[in-house]
Amino acid sequence: SRERLRVEIRKIIAEELQRVPKAQPRVVKKRAFLGITADDFTDEQRKPLGIQGGVKIAEARGPAEKAGLKAGDILLSIAGTPVDVETLSEVLDRYAPGAEIEVKALRGRAEVLLKVILGERKS
């Protein structure tokens, strides 16, 4: 009969739905924000300073400015990890907003160590 067939189909559908994994809620990771804008920094500019990598800071704002970073500084490392323009985002992604990290920068010819409390990147 049709009613019996409907009951069987509903039963099959219910069994199949039990097998389908439930969708996990999408967790959006908050991203850390340092607050610098990078400037062009060529190998010719690095050579006289005796450095391989680094990020030349064009502008410091927010957390970077509060920590004492300035335009013209060269960011050398974050929490002991050397950085350059290509690796900066990857290194920052290891930290959550609010984390306190130590950054090493070159100011003129002197290295400075500063503590930065990372902000939250607004998407």
Protein backbone atom coordinates (compact mmCIF):
# COMPACT_ATOMS: atom_id res chain seq x y z
CA SER A 1 0.00 0.00 0.00
CA ARG A 2 1.01 3.62 -0.44
CA GLU A 3 0.95 4.37 3.28
CA ARG A 4 3.28 1.49 3.99
CA LEU A 5 5.63 2.69 1.27
CA ARG A 6 5.64 6.22 2.78
CA VAL A 7 6.48 4.83 6.22
CA GLU A 8 9.35 2.79 4.75
CA ILE A 9 10.72 5.79 2.82
CA ARG A 10 10.57 7.99 5.94
CA LYS A 11 12.39 5.30 7.90
CA ILE A 12 15.15 5.10 5.25
CA ILE A 13 15.49 8.89 5.16
CA ALA A 14 15.69 9.06 8.98
CA GLU A 15 18.40 6.37 9.01
CA GLU A 16 20.40 8.19 6.33
CA LEU A 17 20.12 11.49 8.19
CA GLN A 18 21.56 9.79 11.26
CA ARG A 19 24.65 8.85 9.22
CA VAL A 20 25.30 12.34 7.88
CA PRO A 21 27.72 14.18 10.19
CA LYS A 22 26.24 17.28 11.68
CA ALA A 23 27.79 20.51 10.47
CA GLN A 24 30.17 21.98 13.00
CA PRO A 25 29.66 25.64 13.82
CA ARG A 26 32.28 27.74 12.07
CA VAL A 27 34.68 29.16 14.59
CA VAL A 28 36.12 32.48 13.52
CA LYS A 29 39.55 32.96 15.01
CA LYS A 30 40.25 36.46 16.16
CA ARG A 31 43.40 37.72 14.48
CA ALA A 32 46.14 39.67 16.19
CA PHE A 33 46.96 43.20 15.06
CA LEU A 34 50.40 44.78 15.46
CA GLY A 35 49.63 48.13 13.83
CA ILE A 36 52.38 48.72 11.31
CA THR A 37 52.47 49.55 7.64
CA ALA A 38 55.47 48.16 5.80
CA ASP A 39 57.65 50.30 3.56
CA ASP A 40 59.76 49.12 0.62
CA PHE A 41 63.00 47.61 1.91
CA THR A 42 65.48 46.40 -0.67
CA ASP A 43 68.54 44.17 -0.34
CA GLU A 44 70.65 47.23 -1.21
CA GLN A 45 69.20 48.99 1.86
CA ARG A 46 69.72 45.92 4.08
CA LYS A 47 73.34 45.31 3.12
CA PRO A 48 74.92 48.36 4.83
CA LEU A 49 72.92 47.53 7.98
CA GLY A 50 74.24 43.97 7.99
CA ILE A 51 70.81 42.33 8.11
CA GLN A 52 69.12 39.70 5.96
CA GLY A 53 65.40 40.25 6.59
CA GLY A 54 63.31 42.67 8.54
CA VAL A 55 60.33 44.87 7.86
CA LYS A 56 60.88 48.60 7.38
CA ILE A 57 58.07 50.44 9.16
CA ALA A 58 56.40 53.21 7.18
CA GLU A 59 53.77 53.91 9.85
CA ALA A 60 53.20 52.74 13.42
CA ARG A 61 49.75 53.02 14.98
CA GLY A 62 47.72 51.36 17.69
CA PRO A 63 49.65 48.67 19.59
CA ALA A 64 52.93 49.31 17.75
CA GLU A 65 52.82 53.04 18.44
CA LYS A 66 51.90 52.51 22.11
CA ALA A 67 54.89 50.18 22.47
CA GLY A 68 57.25 52.79 21.01
CA LEU A 69 57.78 51.56 17.45
CA LYS A 70 58.30 54.42 14.99
CA ALA A 71 58.31 55.04 11.28
CA GLY A 72 61.78 54.23 9.98
CA ASP A 73 62.38 51.43 12.49
CA ILE A 74 63.20 48.01 11.06
CA LEU A 75 61.23 45.22 12.72
CA LEU A 76 63.66 42.29 13.03
CA SER A 77 61.81 39.71 15.12
CA ILE A 78 58.63 38.93 17.02
CA ALA A 79 59.06 36.84 20.18
CA GLY A 80 62.46 35.72 18.92
CA THR A 81 61.23 34.69 15.46
CA PRO A 82 62.89 36.62 12.61
CA VAL A 83 60.38 38.33 10.30
CA ASP A 84 60.24 39.85 6.86
CA VAL A 85 57.33 41.09 4.75
CA GLU A 86 56.49 37.57 3.57
CA THR A 87 56.44 35.96 7.05
CA LEU A 88 55.03 38.76 9.21
CA SER A 89 51.34 37.72 8.96
CA GLU A 90 52.18 34.06 9.52
CA VAL A 91 54.14 34.87 12.69
CA LEU A 92 51.40 37.18 14.01
CA ASP A 93 48.79 34.46 13.40
CA ARG A 94 50.46 32.41 16.16
CA TYR A 95 49.19 34.90 18.75
CA ALA A 96 45.79 35.98 19.96
CA PRO A 97 44.69 39.56 20.47
CA GLY A 98 45.78 40.74 23.91
CA ALA A 99 48.98 38.68 23.91
CA GLU A 100 52.07 40.52 25.12
CA ILE A 101 55.03 39.87 22.87
CA GLU A 102 58.58 41.16 22.68
CA VAL A 103 59.68 42.68 19.39
CA LYS A 104 63.21 43.50 18.34
CA ALA A 105 63.71 46.46 16.03
CA LEU A 106 66.64 48.31 14.56
CA ARG A 107 66.50 52.07 15.16
CA GLY A 108 69.36 53.78 13.39
CA ARG A 109 72.15 51.32 14.19
CA ALA A 110 70.90 50.33 17.66
CA GLU A 111 68.69 47.35 18.43
CA VAL A 112 65.73 48.04 20.70
CA LEU A 113 63.54 45.52 22.52
CA LEU A 114 59.94 46.55 23.11
CA LYS A 115 56.90 44.87 24.66
CA VAL A 116 53.77 45.05 22.52
CA ILE A 117 50.26 44.09 23.57
CA LEU A 118 48.63 42.94 20.35
CA GLY A 119 45.28 44.37 19.31
CA GLU A 120 42.48 42.67 17.37
CA ARG A 121 42.44 42.92 13.59
CA LYS A 122 39.14 44.20 12.28
CA SER A 123 38.20 42.25 9.17
